[in-house]
Amino acid sequence: MEYNIIIANDLEGLASEVATFLPQGWRLKGAIVEHVNGFAQQLIRHPKDSIRVQNNNPQQPASKQRRTKWIE
């Protein structure tokens, strides 16, 4: 199990930072914590979640579409 803590000066910054981790299989754990330097949010990820995300989004090169011209 992996843990990650995101720290930001304001809530908007925290939201944008957390949003970058969510597509990678991370999930929110607990509430937003306010502290002296700003705000913090804890994230959690199981190893199977990261593998599942990699399997769902295979990196494939962009395929070219074939153009066909119909002859009448």
N, C-alpha and C. Protein backbone atom coordinates (compact mmCIF):
# COMPACT_ATOMS: atom_id res chain seq x y z
N MET A 1 0.85 -1.16 0.00
CA MET A 1 0.00 0.00 0.00
C MET A 1 0.90 1.23 0.00
N GLU A 2 0.56 2.21 -0.82
CA GLU A 2 1.34 3.43 -0.92
C GLU A 2 0.55 4.60 -0.34
N TYR A 3 1.25 5.51 0.29
CA TYR A 3 0.64 6.71 0.84
C TYR A 3 1.33 7.93 0.24
N ASN A 4 0.58 8.99 0.08
CA ASN A 4 1.12 10.24 -0.45
C ASN A 4 0.41 11.39 0.24
N ILE A 5 1.14 12.43 0.59
CA ILE A 5 0.54 13.61 1.20
C ILE A 5 0.84 14.80 0.31
N ILE A 6 -0.21 15.50 -0.08
CA ILE A 6 -0.09 16.68 -0.92
C ILE A 6 -0.26 17.90 -0.02
N ILE A 7 0.64 18.87 -0.14
CA ILE A 7 0.59 20.10 0.65
C ILE A 7 0.55 21.28 -0.31
N ALA A 8 -0.33 22.25 -0.04
CA ALA A 8 -0.45 23.44 -0.88
C ALA A 8 -0.79 24.64 -0.01
N ASN A 9 -0.52 25.83 -0.53
CA ASN A 9 -0.78 27.07 0.21
C ASN A 9 -2.26 27.41 0.28
N ASP A 10 -3.02 27.06 -0.76
CA ASP A 10 -4.44 27.38 -0.78
C ASP A 10 -5.24 26.18 -1.30
N LEU A 11 -6.55 26.25 -1.15
CA LEU A 11 -7.40 25.13 -1.54
C LEU A 11 -7.40 24.89 -3.04
N GLU A 12 -7.32 25.95 -3.84
CA GLU A 12 -7.31 25.77 -5.29
C GLU A 12 -6.05 25.04 -5.74
N GLY A 13 -4.92 25.40 -5.14
CA GLY A 13 -3.68 24.72 -5.47
C GLY A 13 -3.71 23.26 -5.05
N LEU A 14 -4.30 23.00 -3.90
CA LEU A 14 -4.42 21.64 -3.42
C LEU A 14 -5.30 20.81 -4.36
N ALA A 15 -6.40 21.39 -4.80
CA ALA A 15 -7.31 20.68 -5.70
C ALA A 15 -6.63 20.36 -7.03
N SER A 16 -5.87 21.28 -7.56
CA SER A 16 -5.20 21.02 -8.84
C SER A 16 -4.10 19.97 -8.68
N GLU A 17 -3.40 19.98 -7.57
CA GLU A 17 -2.36 18.97 -7.32
C GLU A 17 -2.97 17.58 -7.15
N VAL A 18 -4.04 17.50 -6.39
CA VAL A 18 -4.70 16.22 -6.16
C VAL A 18 -5.29 15.68 -7.47
N ALA A 19 -5.81 16.56 -8.30
CA ALA A 19 -6.42 16.14 -9.56
C ALA A 19 -5.42 15.47 -10.49
N THR A 20 -4.14 15.79 -10.38
CA THR A 20 -3.15 15.14 -11.22
C THR A 20 -2.86 13.71 -10.78
N PHE A 21 -3.12 13.38 -9.53
CA PHE A 21 -2.85 12.05 -9.01
C PHE A 21 -4.02 11.09 -9.19
N LEU A 22 -5.24 11.58 -9.27
CA LEU A 22 -6.42 10.71 -9.34
C LEU A 22 -6.43 9.79 -10.56
N PRO A 23 -6.05 10.24 -11.76
CA PRO A 23 -6.04 9.31 -12.89
C PRO A 23 -4.98 8.21 -12.78
N GLN A 24 -4.05 8.34 -11.86
CA GLN A 24 -2.99 7.35 -11.69
C GLN A 24 -3.37 6.26 -10.69
N GLY A 25 -4.61 6.24 -10.25
CA GLY A 25 -5.08 5.19 -9.35
C GLY A 25 -5.08 5.59 -7.88
N TRP A 26 -4.75 6.82 -7.56
CA TRP A 26 -4.74 7.28 -6.16
C TRP A 26 -6.17 7.60 -5.74
N ARG A 27 -6.45 7.40 -4.43
CA ARG A 27 -7.76 7.72 -3.87
C ARG A 27 -7.57 8.62 -2.65
N LEU A 28 -8.57 9.44 -2.37
CA LEU A 28 -8.50 10.33 -1.22
C LEU A 28 -8.67 9.52 0.06
N LYS A 29 -7.92 9.89 1.08
CA LYS A 29 -8.06 9.25 2.38
C LYS A 29 -8.26 10.34 3.42
N GLY A 30 -9.37 10.31 4.07
CA GLY A 30 -9.64 11.29 5.11
C GLY A 30 -10.05 12.64 4.54
N ALA A 31 -9.99 13.64 5.41
CA ALA A 31 -10.43 14.98 5.04
C ALA A 31 -9.23 15.87 4.78
N ILE A 32 -9.49 17.07 4.31
CA ILE A 32 -8.45 18.07 4.11
C ILE A 32 -8.05 18.61 5.48
N VAL A 33 -6.75 18.69 5.72
CA VAL A 33 -6.24 19.15 7.00
C VAL A 33 -5.67 20.55 6.82
N GLU A 34 -6.07 21.47 7.68
CA GLU A 34 -5.53 22.82 7.64
C GLU A 34 -4.40 22.91 8.67
N HIS A 35 -3.26 23.45 8.23
CA HIS A 35 -2.13 23.60 9.14
C HIS A 35 -1.50 24.98 8.92
N VAL A 36 -0.41 25.27 9.60
CA VAL A 36 0.20 26.61 9.59
C VAL A 36 0.59 27.05 8.18
N ASN A 37 1.14 26.14 7.38
CA ASN A 37 1.63 26.49 6.05
C ASN A 37 0.58 26.38 4.95
N GLY A 38 -0.61 25.98 5.25
CA GLY A 38 -1.65 25.86 4.23
C GLY A 38 -2.56 24.68 4.50
N PHE A 39 -2.74 23.84 3.46
CA PHE A 39 -3.66 22.72 3.52
C PHE A 39 -2.96 21.45 3.07
N ALA A 40 -3.45 20.31 3.53
CA ALA A 40 -2.87 19.02 3.15
C ALA A 40 -3.97 18.00 2.92
N GLN A 41 -3.70 17.05 2.05
CA GLN A 41 -4.63 15.96 1.75
C GLN A 41 -3.81 14.68 1.62
N GLN A 42 -4.29 13.62 2.25
CA GLN A 42 -3.60 12.34 2.16
C GLN A 42 -4.24 11.50 1.07
N LEU A 43 -3.41 10.84 0.27
CA LEU A 43 -3.87 9.94 -0.78
C LEU A 43 -3.35 8.54 -0.49
N ILE A 44 -4.06 7.54 -0.99
CA ILE A 44 -3.68 6.15 -0.78
C ILE A 44 -3.86 5.41 -2.10
N ARG A 45 -2.97 4.43 -2.32
CA ARG A 45 -3.08 3.61 -3.53
C ARG A 45 -2.60 2.21 -3.22
N HIS A 46 -3.39 1.22 -3.60
CA HIS A 46 -2.99 -0.17 -3.50
C HIS A 46 -2.19 -0.52 -4.75
N PRO A 47 -1.23 -1.41 -4.68
CA PRO A 47 -0.46 -1.78 -5.87
C PRO A 47 -1.33 -2.29 -7.01
N LYS A 48 -2.41 -3.00 -6.69
CA LYS A 48 -3.28 -3.50 -7.76
C LYS A 48 -3.97 -2.36 -8.49
N ASP A 49 -4.21 -1.21 -7.83
CA ASP A 49 -4.85 -0.07 -8.49
C ASP A 49 -3.94 0.52 -9.55
N SER A 50 -2.65 0.62 -9.28
CA SER A 50 -1.73 1.19 -10.26
C SER A 50 -1.59 0.26 -11.46
N ILE A 51 -1.61 -1.06 -11.21
CA ILE A 51 -1.53 -2.02 -12.32
C ILE A 51 -2.80 -1.97 -13.15
N ARG A 52 -3.94 -1.85 -12.49
CA ARG A 52 -5.22 -1.79 -13.19
C ARG A 52 -5.28 -0.55 -14.09
N VAL A 53 -4.79 0.58 -13.63
CA VAL A 53 -4.79 1.81 -14.43
C VAL A 53 -3.90 1.64 -15.64
N GLN A 54 -2.74 1.01 -15.48
CA GLN A 54 -1.84 0.79 -16.61
C GLN A 54 -2.46 -0.14 -17.64
N ASN A 55 -3.19 -1.15 -17.20
CA ASN A 55 -3.83 -2.08 -18.12
C ASN A 55 -5.00 -1.46 -18.85
N ASN A 56 -5.69 -0.52 -18.22
CA ASN A 56 -6.83 0.13 -18.85
C ASN A 56 -6.42 1.18 -19.86
N ASN A 57 -5.23 1.74 -19.72
CA ASN A 57 -4.77 2.81 -20.61
C ASN A 57 -3.47 2.42 -21.29
N PRO A 58 -3.51 1.46 -22.21
CA PRO A 58 -2.26 1.09 -22.89
C PRO A 58 -1.78 2.22 -23.79
N GLN A 59 -0.49 2.40 -23.80
CA GLN A 59 0.09 3.45 -24.64
C GLN A 59 0.24 2.93 -26.06
N GLN A 60 -0.66 3.36 -26.93
CA GLN A 60 -0.62 2.93 -28.32
C GLN A 60 -0.33 4.13 -29.20
N PRO A 61 0.50 3.94 -30.21
CA PRO A 61 0.75 5.06 -31.12
C PRO A 61 -0.52 5.40 -31.90
N ALA A 62 -0.63 6.64 -32.25
CA ALA A 62 -1.82 7.08 -32.99
C ALA A 62 -1.84 6.41 -34.35
N SER A 63 -2.91 5.71 -34.63
CA SER A 63 -3.01 5.02 -35.91
C SER A 63 -3.56 5.98 -36.97
N LYS A 64 -3.03 5.82 -38.16
CA LYS A 64 -3.49 6.67 -39.25
C LYS A 64 -4.79 6.10 -39.80
N GLN A 65 -5.69 6.98 -40.13
CA GLN A 65 -6.93 6.55 -40.74
C GLN A 65 -6.71 6.43 -42.24
N ARG A 66 -7.19 5.35 -42.76
CA ARG A 66 -7.05 5.16 -44.21
C ARG A 66 -8.16 5.91 -44.90
N ARG A 67 -7.76 6.61 -45.93
CA ARG A 67 -8.75 7.32 -46.74
C ARG A 67 -9.05 6.49 -47.98
N THR A 68 -10.28 6.34 -48.25
CA THR A 68 -10.68 5.60 -49.44
C THR A 68 -11.51 6.49 -50.33
N LYS A 69 -11.31 6.38 -51.59
CA LYS A 69 -12.08 7.15 -52.55
C LYS A 69 -12.97 6.18 -53.32
N TRP A 70 -14.24 6.45 -53.25
CA TRP A 70 -15.18 5.60 -53.90
C TRP A 70 -15.29 5.99 -55.37
N ILE A 71 -15.19 5.00 -56.23
CA ILE A 71 -15.29 5.23 -57.67
C ILE A 71 -16.68 4.79 -58.09
N GLU A 72 -17.36 5.70 -58.77
CA GLU A 72 -18.72 5.39 -59.22
C GLU A 72 -18.71 4.94 -60.65
